[in-house]
């Protein structure tokens, strides 16, 4: 599962899609494509965005739900928290001194 997560995060377009969902979760594919085009200046087809979202879903970063004829995409940061818990960053204790 960690492999899927790292694969999903490796692509800059997928990271941008995550940024779009972090700004506002629960967007339709149309909304995501619009924000990518207008705000991020990404000229990418709906099909390509849909394929990127599928990779993000496989990694557990995006969940989808249907309401009537609409499909909404929600950000799920749980897999990222698992990584942070597995490899916690050491506490910063000021400038580090190097020894020669």
PDB file of N, CA and C in Angstrom:
ATOM      1  N   UNK A   1       0.819  -1.192   0.000  1.00  0.00           N
ATOM      2  CA  UNK A   1       0.000   0.000   0.000  1.00  0.00           C
ATOM      3  C   UNK A   1       0.863   1.256   0.000  1.00  0.00           C
ATOM      4  N   UNK A   2       2.021   1.233   0.674  1.00  0.00           N
ATOM      5  CA  UNK A   2       2.908   2.394   0.675  1.00  0.00           C
ATOM      6  C   UNK A   2       3.424   2.661  -0.728  1.00  0.00           C
ATOM      7  N   UNK A   3       3.632   1.605  -1.520  1.00  0.00           N
ATOM      8  CA  UNK A   3       4.081   1.796  -2.905  1.00  0.00           C
ATOM      9  C   UNK A   3       3.058   2.598  -3.696  1.00  0.00           C
ATOM     10  N   UNK A   4       1.772   2.283  -3.530  1.00  0.00           N
ATOM     11  CA  UNK A   4       0.713   3.028  -4.216  1.00  0.00           C
ATOM     12  C   UNK A   4       0.716   4.493  -3.792  1.00  0.00           C
ATOM     13  N   UNK A   5       0.955   4.727  -2.522  1.00  0.00           N
ATOM     14  CA  UNK A   5       0.963   6.086  -1.999  1.00  0.00           C
ATOM     15  C   UNK A   5       2.122   6.889  -2.590  1.00  0.00           C
ATOM     16  N   UNK A   6       3.307   6.309  -2.589  1.00  0.00           N
ATOM     17  CA  UNK A   6       4.464   7.019  -3.126  1.00  0.00           C
ATOM     18  C   UNK A   6       4.338   7.228  -4.631  1.00  0.00           C
ATOM     19  N   UNK A   7       3.758   6.249  -5.328  1.00  0.00           N
ATOM     20  CA  UNK A   7       3.510   6.410  -6.768  1.00  0.00           C
ATOM     21  C   UNK A   7       2.546   7.572  -7.004  1.00  0.00           C
ATOM     22  N   UNK A   8       1.506   7.645  -6.192  1.00  0.00           N
ATOM     23  CA  UNK A   8       0.516   8.707  -6.352  1.00  0.00           C
ATOM     24  C   UNK A   8       1.130  10.077  -6.093  1.00  0.00           C
ATOM     25  N   UNK A   9       1.990  10.181  -5.118  1.00  0.00           N
ATOM     26  CA  UNK A   9       2.583  11.465  -4.756  1.00  0.00           C
ATOM     27  C   UNK A   9       3.734  11.866  -5.674  1.00  0.00           C
ATOM     28  N   UNK A  10       4.257  10.933  -6.454  1.00  0.00           N
ATOM     29  CA  UNK A  10       5.411  11.204  -7.309  1.00  0.00           C
ATOM     30  C   UNK A  10       5.079  12.132  -8.471  1.00  0.00           C
ATOM     31  N   UNK A  11       3.831  12.176  -8.890  1.00  0.00           N
ATOM     32  CA  UNK A  11       3.443  12.954 -10.062  1.00  0.00           C
ATOM     33  C   UNK A  11       2.998  14.358  -9.668  1.00  0.00           C
ATOM     34  N   UNK A  12       3.570  15.393 -10.288  1.00  0.00           N
ATOM     35  CA  UNK A  12       3.182  16.763  -9.916  1.00  0.00           C
ATOM     36  C   UNK A  12       1.715  17.092 -10.205  1.00  0.00           C
ATOM     37  N   UNK A  13       1.147  16.517 -11.245  1.00  0.00           N
ATOM     38  CA  UNK A  13      -0.273  16.776 -11.536  1.00  0.00           C
ATOM     39  C   UNK A  13      -1.154  16.200 -10.440  1.00  0.00           C
ATOM     40  N   UNK A  14      -0.818  15.009  -9.960  1.00  0.00           N
ATOM     41  CA  UNK A  14      -1.618  14.415  -8.877  1.00  0.00           C
ATOM     42  C   UNK A  14      -1.472  15.219  -7.589  1.00  0.00           C
ATOM     43  N   UNK A  15      -0.274  15.748  -7.339  1.00  0.00           N
ATOM     44  CA  UNK A  15      -0.110  16.598  -6.148  1.00  0.00           C
ATOM     45  C   UNK A  15      -0.951  17.867  -6.281  1.00  0.00           C
ATOM     46  N   UNK A  16      -1.046  18.394  -7.487  1.00  0.00           N
ATOM     47  CA  UNK A  16      -1.877  19.582  -7.707  1.00  0.00           C
ATOM     48  C   UNK A  16      -3.346  19.250  -7.502  1.00  0.00           C
ATOM     49  N   UNK A  17      -3.780  18.090  -7.951  1.00  0.00           N
ATOM     50  CA  UNK A  17      -5.168  17.658  -7.727  1.00  0.00           C
ATOM     51  C   UNK A  17      -5.434  17.561  -6.221  1.00  0.00           C
ATOM     52  N   UNK A  18      -4.484  17.032  -5.475  1.00  0.00           N
ATOM     53  CA  UNK A  18      -4.637  16.962  -4.018  1.00  0.00           C
ATOM     54  C   UNK A  18      -4.728  18.366  -3.417  1.00  0.00           C
ATOM     55  N   UNK A  19      -3.933  19.309  -3.941  1.00  0.00           N
ATOM     56  CA  UNK A  19      -4.012  20.696  -3.465  1.00  0.00           C
ATOM     57  C   UNK A  19      -5.404  21.270  -3.718  1.00  0.00           C
ATOM     58  N   UNK A  20      -5.951  20.986  -4.905  1.00  0.00           N
ATOM     59  CA  UNK A  20      -7.295  21.469  -5.253  1.00  0.00           C
ATOM     60  C   UNK A  20      -8.325  20.896  -4.290  1.00  0.00           C
ATOM     61  N   UNK A  21      -8.195  19.615  -3.965  1.00  0.00           N
ATOM     62  CA  UNK A  21      -9.141  18.987  -3.036  1.00  0.00           C
ATOM     63  C   UNK A  21      -8.907  19.444  -1.596  1.00  0.00           C
ATOM     64  N   UNK A  22      -7.675  19.813  -1.273  1.00  0.00           N
ATOM     65  CA  UNK A  22      -7.397  20.322   0.079  1.00  0.00           C
ATOM     66  C   UNK A  22      -8.058  21.683   0.278  1.00  0.00           C
ATOM     67  N   UNK A  23      -8.135  22.468  -0.798  1.00  0.00           N
ATOM     68  CA  UNK A  23      -8.798  23.769  -0.719  1.00  0.00           C
ATOM     69  C   UNK A  23     -10.300  23.614  -0.506  1.00  0.00           C
ATOM     70  N   UNK A  24     -10.878  22.618  -1.196  1.00  0.00           N
ATOM     71  CA  UNK A  24     -12.319  22.377  -1.076  1.00  0.00           C
ATOM     72  C   UNK A  24     -12.582  20.909  -1.403  1.00  0.00           C
ATOM     73  N   UNK A  25     -12.879  20.136  -0.398  1.00  0.00           N
ATOM     74  CA  UNK A  25     -13.182  18.723  -0.601  1.00  0.00           C
ATOM     75  C   UNK A  25     -14.611  18.590  -1.123  1.00  0.00           C
ATOM     76  N   UNK A  26     -14.919  17.459  -1.729  1.00  0.00           N
ATOM     77  CA  UNK A  26     -16.271  17.207  -2.198  1.00  0.00           C
ATOM     78  C   UNK A  26     -16.574  17.838  -3.544  1.00  0.00           C
ATOM     79  N   UNK A  27     -15.605  17.861  -4.444  1.00  0.00           N
ATOM     80  CA  UNK A  27     -15.802  18.465  -5.763  1.00  0.00           C
ATOM     81  C   UNK A  27     -16.124  17.403  -6.805  1.00  0.00           C
ATOM     82  N   UNK A  28     -16.843  17.821  -7.820  1.00  0.00           N
ATOM     83  CA  UNK A  28     -17.104  16.955  -8.964  1.00  0.00           C
ATOM     84  C   UNK A  28     -15.890  17.001  -9.889  1.00  0.00           C
ATOM     85  N   UNK A  29     -15.844  16.085 -10.845  1.00  0.00           N
ATOM     86  CA  UNK A  29     -14.768  16.074 -11.829  1.00  0.00           C
ATOM     87  C   UNK A  29     -14.738  17.395 -12.597  1.00  0.00           C
ATOM     88  N   UNK A  30     -15.915  17.922 -12.938  1.00  0.00           N
ATOM     89  CA  UNK A  30     -15.995  19.196 -13.647  1.00  0.00           C
ATOM     90  C   UNK A  30     -15.346  20.316 -12.834  1.00  0.00           C
ATOM     91  N   UNK A  31     -15.647  20.373 -11.536  1.00  0.00           N
ATOM     92  CA  UNK A  31     -15.073  21.411 -10.679  1.00  0.00           C
ATOM     93  C   UNK A  31     -13.558  21.281 -10.588  1.00  0.00           C
ATOM     94  N   UNK A  32     -13.087  20.049 -10.435  1.00  0.00           N
ATOM     95  CA  UNK A  32     -11.639  19.816 -10.343  1.00  0.00           C
ATOM     96  C   UNK A  32     -10.954  20.267 -11.632  1.00  0.00           C
ATOM     97  N   UNK A  33     -11.503  19.864 -12.770  1.00  0.00           N
ATOM     98  CA  UNK A  33     -10.927  20.246 -14.066  1.00  0.00           C
ATOM     99  C   UNK A  33     -10.927  21.755 -14.241  1.00  0.00           C
ATOM    100  N   UNK A  34     -11.997  22.406 -13.827  1.00  0.00           N
ATOM    101  CA  UNK A  34     -12.089  23.863 -13.945  1.00  0.00           C
ATOM    102  C   UNK A  34     -11.018  24.548 -13.113  1.00  0.00           C
ATOM    103  N   UNK A  35     -10.854  24.108 -11.889  1.00  0.00           N
ATOM    104  CA  UNK A  35      -9.847  24.720 -11.013  1.00  0.00           C
ATOM    105  C   UNK A  35      -8.434  24.468 -11.531  1.00  0.00           C
ATOM    106  N   UNK A  36      -8.192  23.261 -12.063  1.00  0.00           N
ATOM    107  CA  UNK A  36      -6.875  22.965 -12.624  1.00  0.00           C
ATOM    108  C   UNK A  36      -6.577  23.884 -13.809  1.00  0.00           C
ATOM    109  N   UNK A  37      -7.585  24.129 -14.609  1.00  0.00           N
ATOM    110  CA  UNK A  37      -7.419  24.965 -15.803  1.00  0.00           C
ATOM    111  C   UNK A  37      -7.254  26.441 -15.450  1.00  0.00           C
ATOM    112  N   UNK A  38      -8.142  26.952 -14.609  1.00  0.00           N
ATOM    113  CA  UNK A  38      -8.156  28.386 -14.320  1.00  0.00           C
ATOM    114  C   UNK A  38      -7.071  28.772 -13.315  1.00  0.00           C
ATOM    115  N   UNK A  39      -7.025  28.097 -12.204  1.00  0.00           N
ATOM    116  CA  UNK A  39      -6.126  28.504 -11.128  1.00  0.00           C
ATOM    117  C   UNK A  39      -4.691  28.023 -11.332  1.00  0.00           C
ATOM    118  N   UNK A  40      -4.540  26.822 -11.880  1.00  0.00           N
ATOM    119  CA  UNK A  40      -3.201  26.230 -12.000  1.00  0.00           C
ATOM    120  C   UNK A  40      -2.686  26.207 -13.437  1.00  0.00           C
ATOM    121  N   UNK A  41      -3.490  26.697 -14.366  1.00  0.00           N
ATOM    122  CA  UNK A  41      -3.104  26.784 -15.773  1.00  0.00           C
ATOM    123  C   UNK A  41      -2.675  25.437 -16.363  1.00  0.00           C
ATOM    124  N   UNK A  42      -3.367  24.379 -15.958  1.00  0.00           N
ATOM    125  CA  UNK A  42      -3.096  23.043 -16.496  1.00  0.00           C
ATOM    126  C   UNK A  42      -4.121  22.709 -17.569  1.00  0.00           C
ATOM    127  N   UNK A  43      -3.671  22.571 -18.781  1.00  0.00           N
ATOM    128  CA  UNK A  43      -4.557  22.170 -19.865  1.00  0.00           C
ATOM    129  C   UNK A  43      -4.547  20.658 -19.971  1.00  0.00           C
ATOM    130  N   UNK A  44      -5.417  20.026 -19.235  1.00  0.00           N
ATOM    131  CA  UNK A  44      -5.440  18.563 -19.144  1.00  0.00           C
ATOM    132  C   UNK A  44      -6.872  18.089 -19.374  1.00  0.00           C
ATOM    133  N   UNK A  45      -7.016  17.002 -20.097  1.00  0.00           N
ATOM    134  CA  UNK A  45      -8.356  16.516 -20.432  1.00  0.00           C
ATOM    135  C   UNK A  45      -9.051  15.925 -19.205  1.00  0.00           C
ATOM    136  N   UNK A  46     -10.380  15.871 -19.289  1.00  0.00           N
ATOM    137  CA  UNK A  46     -11.163  15.256 -18.208  1.00  0.00           C
ATOM    138  C   UNK A  46     -10.764  13.800 -18.019  1.00  0.00           C
ATOM    139  N   UNK A  47     -10.497  13.119 -19.138  1.00  0.00           N
ATOM    140  CA  UNK A  47     -10.101  11.709 -19.062  1.00  0.00           C
ATOM    141  C   UNK A  47      -8.780  11.558 -18.316  1.00  0.00           C
ATOM    142  N   UNK A  48      -7.819  12.436 -18.591  1.00  0.00           N
ATOM    143  CA  UNK A  48      -6.533  12.374 -17.903  1.00  0.00           C
ATOM    144  C   UNK A  48      -6.697  12.659 -16.412  1.00  0.00           C
ATOM    145  N   UNK A  49      -7.524  13.652 -16.076  1.00  0.00           N
ATOM    146  CA  UNK A  49      -7.779  13.963 -14.658  1.00  0.00           C
ATOM    147  C   UNK A  49      -8.436  12.768 -13.988  1.00  0.00           C
ATOM    148  N   UNK A  50      -9.376  12.149 -14.665  1.00  0.00           N
ATOM    149  CA  UNK A  50     -10.057  10.972 -14.126  1.00  0.00           C
ATOM    150  C   UNK A  50      -9.065   9.829 -13.875  1.00  0.00           C
ATOM    151  N   UNK A  51      -8.115   9.656 -14.769  1.00  0.00           N
ATOM    152  CA  UNK A  51      -7.099   8.606 -14.581  1.00  0.00           C
ATOM    153  C   UNK A  51      -6.194   8.937 -13.400  1.00  0.00           C
ATOM    154  N   UNK A  52      -5.822  10.202 -13.255  1.00  0.00           N
ATOM    155  CA  UNK A  52      -5.009  10.602 -12.094  1.00  0.00           C
ATOM    156  C   UNK A  52      -5.782  10.367 -10.797  1.00  0.00           C
ATOM    157  N   UNK A  53      -7.067  10.696 -10.804  1.00  0.00           N
ATOM    158  CA  UNK A  53      -7.891  10.488  -9.608  1.00  0.00           C
ATOM    159  C   UNK A  53      -7.981   9.003  -9.268  1.00  0.00           C
ATOM    160  N   UNK A  54      -8.032   8.142 -10.277  1.00  0.00           N
ATOM    161  CA  UNK A  54      -8.069   6.699 -10.028  1.00  0.00           C
ATOM    162  C   UNK A  54      -6.806   6.243  -9.298  1.00  0.00           C
ATOM    163  N   UNK A  55      -5.658   6.792  -9.663  1.00  0.00           N
ATOM    164  CA  UNK A  55      -4.406   6.454  -8.972  1.00  0.00           C
ATOM    165  C   UNK A  55      -4.468   6.942  -7.525  1.00  0.00           C
ATOM    166  N   UNK A  56      -4.999   8.144  -7.330  1.00  0.00           N
ATOM    167  CA  UNK A  56      -5.136   8.685  -5.973  1.00  0.00           C
ATOM    168  C   UNK A  56      -6.112   7.867  -5.135  1.00  0.00           C
ATOM    169  N   UNK A  57      -7.167   7.357  -5.772  1.00  0.00           N
ATOM    170  CA  UNK A  57      -8.124   6.485  -5.069  1.00  0.00           C
ATOM    171  C   UNK A  57      -7.450   5.186  -4.640  1.00  0.00           C
ATOM    172  N   UNK A  58      -6.674   4.608  -5.536  1.00  0.00           N
ATOM    173  CA  UNK A  58      -5.969   3.357  -5.226  1.00  0.00           C
ATOM    174  C   UNK A  58      -5.042   3.542  -4.023  1.00  0.00           C
ATOM    175  N   UNK A  59      -4.440   4.712  -3.928  1.00  0.00           N
ATOM    176  CA  UNK A  59      -3.541   5.013  -2.815  1.00  0.00           C
ATOM    177  C   UNK A  59      -4.298   5.376  -1.541  1.00  0.00           C
ATOM    178  N   UNK A  60      -5.613   5.530  -1.632  1.00  0.00           N
ATOM    179  CA  UNK A  60      -6.417   5.866  -0.461  1.00  0.00           C
ATOM    180  C   UNK A  60      -6.463   7.352  -0.146  1.00  0.00           C
ATOM    181  N   UNK A  61      -5.962   8.193  -1.066  1.00  0.00           N
ATOM    182  CA  UNK A  61      -5.931   9.630  -0.822  1.00  0.00           C
ATOM    183  C   UNK A  61      -7.216  10.342  -1.244  1.00  0.00           C
ATOM    184  N   UNK A  62      -7.992   9.704  -2.115  1.00  0.00           N
ATOM    185  CA  UNK A  62      -9.250  10.277  -2.576  1.00  0.00           C
ATOM    186  C   UNK A  62     -10.347   9.232  -2.428  1.00  0.00           C
ATOM    187  N   UNK A  63     -11.467   9.665  -1.897  1.00  0.00           N
ATOM    188  CA  UNK A  63     -12.653   8.810  -1.813  1.00  0.00           C
ATOM    189  C   UNK A  63     -13.741   9.452  -2.666  1.00  0.00           C
ATOM    190  N   UNK A  64     -14.550   8.612  -3.303  1.00  0.00           N
ATOM    191  CA  UNK A  64     -15.634   9.148  -4.121  1.00  0.00           C
ATOM    192  C   UNK A  64     -16.970   8.713  -3.536  1.00  0.00           C
ATOM    193  N   UNK A  65     -17.964   9.538  -3.782  1.00  0.00           N
ATOM    194  CA  UNK A  65     -19.325   9.208  -3.357  1.00  0.00           C
ATOM    195  C   UNK A  65     -20.279   9.738  -4.411  1.00  0.00           C
ATOM    196  N   UNK A  66     -21.352   9.004  -4.607  1.00  0.00           N
ATOM    197  CA  UNK A  66     -22.370   9.404  -5.584  1.00  0.00           C
ATOM    198  C   UNK A  66     -23.587   9.962  -4.863  1.00  0.00           C
ATOM    199  N   UNK A  67     -24.079  11.047  -5.397  1.00  0.00           N
ATOM    200  CA  UNK A  67     -25.340  11.627  -4.938  1.00  0.00           C
ATOM    201  C   UNK A  67     -26.136  11.941  -6.194  1.00  0.00           C
ATOM    202  N   UNK A  68     -27.135  11.107  -6.452  1.00  0.00           N
ATOM    203  CA  UNK A  68     -27.904  11.265  -7.686  1.00  0.00           C
ATOM    204  C   UNK A  68     -27.020  10.997  -8.882  1.00  0.00           C
ATOM    205  N   UNK A  69     -26.988  11.932  -9.792  1.00  0.00           N
ATOM    206  CA  UNK A  69     -26.160  11.737 -10.980  1.00  0.00           C
ATOM    207  C   UNK A  69     -24.768  12.337 -10.843  1.00  0.00           C
ATOM    208  N   UNK A  70     -24.446  12.877  -9.665  1.00  0.00           N
ATOM    209  CA  UNK A  70     -23.156  13.507  -9.448  1.00  0.00           C
ATOM    210  C   UNK A  70     -22.225  12.600  -8.646  1.00  0.00           C
ATOM    211  N   UNK A  71     -20.953  12.672  -8.973  1.00  0.00           N
ATOM    212  CA  UNK A  71     -19.926  11.927  -8.253  1.00  0.00           C
ATOM    213  C   UNK A  71     -18.993  12.953  -7.620  1.00  0.00           C
ATOM    214  N   UNK A  72     -18.855  12.891  -6.311  1.00  0.00           N
ATOM    215  CA  UNK A  72     -18.044  13.842  -5.570  1.00  0.00           C
ATOM    216  C   UNK A  72     -16.748  13.184  -5.113  1.00  0.00           C
ATOM    217  N   UNK A  73     -15.684  13.972  -5.087  1.00  0.00           N
ATOM    218  CA  UNK A  73     -14.354  13.491  -4.711  1.00  0.00           C
ATOM    219  C   UNK A  73     -13.923  14.188  -3.430  1.00  0.00           C
ATOM    220  N   UNK A  74     -13.541  13.391  -2.452  1.00  0.00           N
ATOM    221  CA  UNK A  74     -13.135  13.906  -1.152  1.00  0.00           C
ATOM    222  C   UNK A  74     -11.693  13.503  -0.864  1.00  0.00           C
ATOM    223  N   UNK A  75     -10.946  14.428  -0.259  1.00  0.00           N
ATOM    224  CA  UNK A  75      -9.573  14.171   0.144  1.00  0.00           C
ATOM    225  C   UNK A  75      -9.571  13.380   1.444  1.00  0.00           C
ATOM    226  N   UNK A  76      -8.702  12.370   1.509  1.00  0.00           N
ATOM    227  CA  UNK A  76      -8.513  11.592   2.742  1.00  0.00           C
ATOM    228  C   UNK A  76      -7.019  11.571   3.045  1.00  0.00           C
ATOM    229  N   UNK A  77      -6.609  12.244   4.101  1.00  0.00           N
ATOM    230  CA  UNK A  77      -5.184  12.340   4.433  1.00  0.00           C
ATOM    231  C   UNK A  77      -4.709  11.237   5.384  1.00  0.00           C
ATOM    232  N   UNK A  78      -5.563  10.280   5.664  1.00  0.00           N
ATOM    233  CA  UNK A  78      -5.187   9.199   6.578  1.00  0.00           C
ATOM    234  C   UNK A  78      -3.897   8.489   6.164  1.00  0.00           C
ATOM    235  N   UNK A  79      -3.719   8.136   4.872  1.00  0.00           N
ATOM    236  CA  UNK A  79      -2.462   7.472   4.492  1.00  0.00           C
ATOM    237  C   UNK A  79      -1.224   8.334   4.753  1.00  0.00           C
ATOM    238  N   UNK A  80      -1.353   9.649   4.636  1.00  0.00           N
ATOM    239  CA  UNK A  80      -0.221  10.536   4.907  1.00  0.00           C
ATOM    240  C   UNK A  80       0.105  10.548   6.397  1.00  0.00           C
ATOM    241  N   UNK A  81      -0.930  10.520   7.223  1.00  0.00           N
ATOM    242  CA  UNK A  81      -0.707  10.481   8.678  1.00  0.00           C
ATOM    243  C   UNK A  81      -0.008   9.189   9.071  1.00  0.00           C
ATOM    244  N   UNK A  82      -0.346   8.088   8.404  1.00  0.00           N
ATOM    245  CA  UNK A  82       0.315   6.811   8.716  1.00  0.00           C
ATOM    246  C   UNK A  82       1.811   6.885   8.436  1.00  0.00           C
ATOM    247  N   UNK A  83       2.180   7.567   7.362  1.00  0.00           N
ATOM    248  CA  UNK A  83       3.609   7.722   7.044  1.00  0.00           C
ATOM    249  C   UNK A  83       4.285   8.568   8.116  1.00  0.00           C
ATOM    250  N   UNK A  84       3.650   9.655   8.505  1.00  0.00           N
ATOM    251  CA  UNK A  84       4.227  10.527   9.536  1.00  0.00           C
ATOM    252  C   UNK A  84       4.379   9.786  10.865  1.00  0.00           C
ATOM    253  N   UNK A  85       3.453   8.892  11.168  1.00  0.00           N
ATOM    254  CA  UNK A  85       3.541   8.112  12.402  1.00  0.00           C
ATOM    255  C   UNK A  85       4.635   7.052  12.302  1.00  0.00           C
ATOM    256  N   UNK A  86       4.824   6.514  11.103  1.00  0.00           N
ATOM    257  CA  UNK A  86       5.834   5.466  10.911  1.00  0.00           C
ATOM    258  C   UNK A  86       7.243   6.043  10.976  1.00  0.00           C
ATOM    259  N   UNK A  87       7.430   7.205  10.346  1.00  0.00           N
ATOM    260  CA  UNK A  87       8.746   7.832  10.312  1.00  0.00           C
ATOM    261  C   UNK A  87       8.656   9.251  10.855  1.00  0.00           C
ATOM    262  N   UNK A  88       8.518   9.389  12.166  1.00  0.00           N
ATOM    263  CA  UNK A  88       8.393  10.733  12.727  1.00  0.00           C
ATOM    264  C   UNK A  88       9.691  11.521  12.543  1.00  0.00           C
ATOM    265  N   UNK A  89       9.547  12.800  12.285  1.00  0.00           N
ATOM    266  CA  UNK A  89      10.711  13.671  12.132  1.00  0.00           C
ATOM    267  C   UNK A  89      11.270  13.986  13.512  1.00  0.00           C
ATOM    268  N   UNK A  90      12.591  14.029  13.629  1.00  0.00           N
ATOM    269  CA  UNK A  90      13.177  14.378  14.933  1.00  0.00           C
ATOM    270  C   UNK A  90      12.862  15.830  15.272  1.00  0.00           C
ATOM    271  N   UNK A  91      12.768  16.100  16.555  1.00  0.00           N
ATOM    272  CA  UNK A  91      12.487  17.456  17.013  1.00  0.00           C
ATOM    273  C   UNK A  91      13.693  18.345  16.714  1.00  0.00           C
ATOM    274  N   UNK A  92      13.422  19.529  16.226  1.00  0.00           N
ATOM    275  CA  UNK A  92      14.498  20.486  15.957  1.00  0.00           C
ATOM    276  C   UNK A  92      14.898  21.139  17.272  1.00  0.00           C
ATOM    277  N   UNK A  93      16.193  21.145  17.553  1.00  0.00           N
ATOM    278  CA  UNK A  93      16.659  21.738  18.810  1.00  0.00           C
ATOM    279  C   UNK A  93      17.636  22.876  18.542  1.00  0.00           C
ATOM    280  N   UNK A  94      17.367  23.627  17.501  1.00  0.00           N
ATOM    281  CA  UNK A  94      18.232  24.754  17.172  1.00  0.00           C
ATOM    282  C   UNK A  94      19.205  24.379  16.069  1.00  0.00           C
ATOM    283  N   UNK A  95      20.115  25.295  15.740  1.00  0.00           N
ATOM    284  CA  UNK A  95      21.063  25.023  14.656  1.00  0.00           C
ATOM    285  C   UNK A  95      21.995  23.883  15.037  1.00  0.00           C
ATOM    286  N   UNK A  96      22.173  23.005  14.075  1.00  0.00           N
ATOM    287  CA  UNK A  96      23.053  21.860  14.329  1.00  0.00           C
ATOM    288  C   UNK A  96      24.486  22.260  14.061  1.00  0.00           C
ATOM    289  N   UNK A  97      25.351  21.754  14.889  1.00  0.00           N
ATOM    290  CA  UNK A  97      26.763  22.040  14.723  1.00  0.00           C
ATOM    291  C   UNK A  97      27.425  20.815  14.126  1.00  0.00           C
ATOM    292  N   UNK A  98      28.206  21.031  13.108  1.00  0.00           N
ATOM    293  CA  UNK A  98      28.911  19.914  12.487  1.00  0.00           C
ATOM    294  C   UNK A  98      30.280  19.796  13.125  1.00  0.00           C
ATOM    295  N   UNK A  99      30.702  18.584  13.266  1.00  0.00           N
ATOM    296  CA  UNK A  99      32.026  18.334  13.820  1.00  0.00           C
ATOM    297  C   UNK A  99      32.967  17.984  12.686  1.00  0.00           C
ATOM    298  N   UNK A 100      34.168  18.569  12.697  1.00  0.00           N
ATOM    299  CA  UNK A 100      35.103  18.298  11.603  1.00  0.00           C
ATOM    300  C   UNK A 100      35.651  16.909  11.621  1.00  0.00           C
TER     301      UNK A 100
END
